Amino acid sequence: MVFGILIALQVDNWNNEKARADKEIKILTEIRRNLAVNVNQFSAEIAHQDSIAQGIDVIMYQIKNNIPYHDSLGPKYAAIAWTEEFNVANSAFQTLNTLGFDLISSDSLREGIIQLFNLRYVRFSDVVAKVSSTEHIQLNSMYVKHIEYDEQGNGIVNDFEKLANDRAFTNMLSNRRIWKKDIVNEYKELIEESLELAEMIERELSRRE
């Protein structure tokens, strides 16, 4: 009878371990999917921010060389005023947070997941939110003063000479360009870190097969 109880306990333990392992594999697979989404989103954002930075270069060149405003510049003027948001797919990480991080058996993999999702992503999100909040006020005051929008949402300069001579506006352009470049560099780093974590997960999943 004792032997039978021991066997039953071993079977129960085995079932529990298998259920735990299956749950870990499922959550790792979901995290890997989230990482793929993030890499694609970050890559698209790099192209978007690069495009705005190039538009700022065009406008700064226009102002510096006293080139009259043209309708083709309307979308570029409008894009400068768009404040940034940081969007990240983290549903699997939120699930893991609920289940408990000790579900991930590998110490290095667990630390990598927490480092990326709970530190790197969150810190960059906070920075973007703070900068966007601060610059939104400045941009609004600048644009009310110099820019109006047409029905298509393009920015139209009210008085180019006044705008060109407004040092605060040209300084704002320079600062926005630097910020856009900083965002692009940060996204590149996040892509690299996301891919590294995805590779770690892939190796762990392959080991389990």
Protein backbone atom coordinates (compact mmCIF):
# COMPACT_ATOMS: atom_id res chain seq x y z
CA MET A 1 0.00 0.00 0.00
CA VAL A 2 2.85 2.38 0.84
CA PHE A 3 4.49 1.53 -2.46
CA GLY A 4 1.28 2.37 -4.29
CA ILE A 5 1.06 5.72 -2.54
CA LEU A 6 4.64 6.53 -3.50
CA ILE A 7 3.94 5.64 -7.13
CA ALA A 8 0.82 7.83 -7.10
CA LEU A 9 2.81 10.72 -5.64
CA GLN A 10 5.51 10.33 -8.28
CA VAL A 11 2.91 10.30 -11.06
CA ASP A 12 1.26 13.38 -9.56
CA ASN A 13 4.62 15.16 -9.33
CA TRP A 14 5.42 14.20 -12.91
CA ASN A 15 2.06 15.53 -14.10
CA ASN A 16 2.60 18.77 -12.22
CA GLU A 17 6.09 19.21 -13.68
CA LYS A 18 4.82 18.49 -17.17
CA ALA A 19 1.98 21.00 -16.78
CA ARG A 20 4.47 23.57 -15.52
CA ALA A 21 6.84 22.89 -18.40
CA ASP A 22 4.00 23.13 -20.93
CA LYS A 23 2.93 26.45 -19.41
CA GLU A 24 6.51 27.74 -19.61
CA ILE A 25 6.83 26.73 -23.25
CA LYS A 26 3.53 28.43 -24.05
CA ILE A 27 4.49 31.71 -22.37
CA LEU A 28 7.95 31.70 -24.00
CA THR A 29 6.33 31.17 -27.40
CA GLU A 30 3.99 34.11 -26.76
CA ILE A 31 6.86 36.33 -25.63
CA ARG A 32 8.73 35.46 -28.81
CA ARG A 33 5.69 36.54 -30.84
CA ASN A 34 5.51 39.83 -28.92
CA LEU A 35 9.19 40.42 -29.64
CA ALA A 36 8.63 39.89 -33.38
CA VAL A 37 5.80 42.43 -33.30
CA ASN A 38 8.01 44.90 -31.44
CA VAL A 39 10.90 44.54 -33.88
CA ASN A 40 8.55 45.28 -36.78
CA GLN A 41 7.01 48.26 -34.95
CA PHE A 42 10.40 49.66 -34.00
CA SER A 43 11.67 49.30 -37.57
CA ALA A 44 8.63 51.16 -38.90
CA GLU A 45 9.13 53.87 -36.28
CA ILE A 46 12.77 54.29 -37.32
CA ALA A 47 11.67 54.95 -40.90
CA HIS A 48 8.99 57.36 -39.68
CA GLN A 49 11.30 59.35 -37.40
CA ASP A 50 14.04 59.43 -40.04
CA SER A 51 11.55 60.86 -42.50
CA ILE A 52 10.58 63.63 -40.07
CA ALA A 53 14.25 64.41 -39.35
CA GLN A 54 14.90 64.72 -43.08
CA GLY A 55 11.91 67.05 -43.34
CA ILE A 56 13.37 69.20 -40.59
CA ASP A 57 16.64 69.37 -42.54
CA VAL A 58 14.73 70.60 -45.59
CA ILE A 59 12.92 73.28 -43.59
CA MET A 60 16.10 74.40 -41.84
CA TYR A 61 17.79 74.69 -45.24
CA GLN A 62 14.81 76.67 -46.53
CA ILE A 63 14.95 79.10 -43.62
CA LYS A 64 18.74 79.47 -43.70
CA ASN A 65 18.75 80.21 -47.43
CA ASN A 66 15.60 82.36 -47.37
CA ILE A 67 13.75 80.10 -49.80
CA PRO A 68 10.06 81.07 -50.00
CA TYR A 69 7.48 78.71 -48.53
CA HIS A 70 6.02 76.21 -51.00
CA ASP A 71 2.98 73.93 -50.66
CA SER A 72 5.25 70.86 -50.87
CA LEU A 73 6.62 71.83 -47.44
CA GLY A 74 3.18 71.67 -45.83
CA PRO A 75 3.36 67.99 -44.75
CA LYS A 76 6.88 68.52 -43.41
CA TYR A 77 5.84 71.48 -41.27
CA ALA A 78 2.89 69.49 -39.96
CA ALA A 79 5.00 66.41 -39.14
CA ILE A 80 7.38 68.40 -36.94
CA ALA A 81 4.55 69.06 -34.49
CA TRP A 82 3.61 65.40 -34.09
CA THR A 83 4.59 64.33 -30.59
CA GLU A 84 5.87 60.81 -30.08
CA GLU A 85 4.37 57.73 -28.46
CA PHE A 86 6.09 54.48 -27.54
CA ASN A 87 3.96 51.42 -28.22
CA VAL A 88 5.12 47.95 -27.30
CA ALA A 89 3.54 44.48 -27.41
CA ASN A 90 3.87 43.07 -23.90
CA SER A 91 0.75 40.99 -23.29
CA ALA A 92 2.81 37.81 -22.73
CA PHE A 93 5.03 39.60 -20.22
CA GLN A 94 1.96 40.83 -18.33
CA THR A 95 0.70 37.24 -18.21
CA LEU A 96 4.07 36.04 -16.94
CA ASN A 97 4.02 38.77 -14.30
CA THR A 98 0.68 37.41 -13.10
CA LEU A 99 1.80 33.78 -13.15
CA GLY A 100 5.11 34.51 -11.46
CA PHE A 101 8.57 34.96 -12.98
CA ASP A 102 9.80 31.74 -11.38
CA LEU A 103 7.84 29.93 -14.10
CA ILE A 104 10.91 30.56 -16.30
CA SER A 105 13.39 27.89 -15.23
CA SER A 106 16.48 29.46 -16.84
CA ASP A 107 17.96 32.19 -14.65
CA SER A 108 19.62 34.01 -17.56
CA LEU A 109 16.48 33.88 -19.68
CA ARG A 110 14.29 35.08 -16.81
CA GLU A 111 16.66 37.98 -16.14
CA GLY A 112 16.78 38.83 -19.85
CA ILE A 113 12.99 38.99 -20.11
CA ILE A 114 12.65 41.18 -17.03
CA GLN A 115 15.52 43.43 -18.12
CA LEU A 116 14.01 44.12 -21.54
CA PHE A 117 10.30 44.34 -20.76
CA ASN A 118 10.34 45.77 -17.25
CA LEU A 119 13.38 48.04 -17.51
CA ARG A 120 14.45 48.97 -21.05
CA TYR A 121 11.00 49.25 -22.58
CA VAL A 122 9.55 51.01 -19.54
CA ARG A 123 12.40 53.50 -19.20
CA PHE A 124 12.23 54.50 -22.85
CA SER A 125 8.45 54.80 -22.64
CA ASP A 126 8.82 57.13 -19.67
CA VAL A 127 11.39 59.28 -21.47
CA VAL A 128 9.22 59.56 -24.59
CA ALA A 129 6.16 60.46 -22.52
CA LYS A 130 8.02 63.16 -20.55
CA VAL A 131 9.66 64.74 -23.60
CA SER A 132 6.44 64.64 -25.61
CA SER A 133 4.48 66.25 -22.78
CA THR A 134 7.04 69.04 -22.43
CA GLU A 135 7.44 69.66 -26.15
CA HIS A 136 3.70 69.54 -26.83
CA ILE A 137 3.27 72.83 -24.94
CA GLN A 138 6.22 74.48 -26.71
CA LEU A 139 5.15 73.25 -30.14
CA ASN A 140 1.59 74.45 -29.66
CA SER A 141 2.73 77.97 -28.76
CA MET A 142 5.13 78.06 -31.73
CA TYR A 143 2.59 76.77 -34.20
CA VAL A 144 -0.22 79.04 -33.03
CA LYS A 145 2.17 81.90 -33.66
CA HIS A 146 3.49 80.90 -37.09
CA ILE A 147 1.56 77.99 -38.61
CA GLU A 148 -2.02 77.27 -39.59
CA TYR A 149 -3.40 74.05 -41.04
CA ASP A 150 -5.34 73.46 -44.22
CA GLU A 151 -8.16 70.94 -44.63
CA GLN A 152 -5.66 68.16 -45.37
CA GLY A 153 -3.73 68.86 -42.16
CA ASN A 154 -0.74 70.42 -43.89
CA GLY A 155 1.15 73.19 -42.10
CA ILE A 156 1.01 76.59 -43.80
CA VAL A 157 3.38 79.38 -42.78
CA ASN A 158 1.53 82.62 -42.00
CA ASP A 159 4.49 84.96 -42.43
CA PHE A 160 7.73 83.35 -43.57
CA GLU A 161 9.90 86.37 -42.75
CA LYS A 162 8.69 86.47 -39.16
CA LEU A 163 9.15 82.72 -38.81
CA ALA A 164 12.67 82.84 -40.26
CA ASN A 165 13.66 85.60 -37.84
CA ASP A 166 12.19 83.87 -34.80
CA ARG A 167 15.25 82.37 -33.08
CA ALA A 168 13.04 80.37 -30.73
CA PHE A 169 11.44 78.62 -33.70
CA THR A 170 14.74 77.78 -35.40
CA ASN A 171 16.17 76.57 -32.09
CA MET A 172 13.11 74.38 -31.68
CA LEU A 173 13.76 72.87 -35.11
CA SER A 174 17.34 72.08 -34.18
CA ASN A 175 16.28 70.48 -30.90
CA ARG A 176 13.57 68.45 -32.59
CA ARG A 177 16.07 67.13 -35.11
CA ILE A 178 18.46 66.01 -32.35
CA TRP A 179 15.58 64.37 -30.48
CA LYS A 180 14.47 62.50 -33.60
CA LYS A 181 18.00 61.17 -34.10
CA ASP A 182 18.13 60.11 -30.45
CA ILE A 183 14.84 58.25 -30.87
CA VAL A 184 16.13 56.44 -33.95
CA ASN A 185 19.30 55.36 -32.16
CA GLU A 186 17.31 54.12 -29.18
CA TYR A 187 14.98 52.11 -31.40
CA LYS A 188 17.99 50.52 -33.09
CA GLU A 189 19.34 49.45 -29.71
CA LEU A 190 15.95 48.09 -28.67
CA ILE A 191 15.71 46.10 -31.90
CA GLU A 192 19.11 44.55 -31.23
CA GLU A 193 18.20 43.70 -27.63
CA SER A 194 14.80 42.31 -28.67
CA LEU A 195 16.41 40.08 -31.30
CA GLU A 196 18.99 38.84 -28.79
CA LEU A 197 16.22 37.88 -26.34
CA ALA A 198 14.24 36.21 -29.13
CA GLU A 199 17.31 34.13 -29.98
CA MET A 200 17.69 33.10 -26.34
CA ILE A 201 14.06 31.99 -26.27
CA GLU A 202 14.47 30.14 -29.57
CA ARG A 203 17.44 28.19 -28.19
CA GLU A 204 15.48 27.32 -25.05
CA LEU A 205 12.46 26.14 -27.05
CA SER A 206 14.68 24.09 -29.37
CA ARG A 207 16.29 22.46 -26.35
CA ARG A 208 12.86 21.41 -25.10
CA GLU A 209 11.89 19.67 -28.36
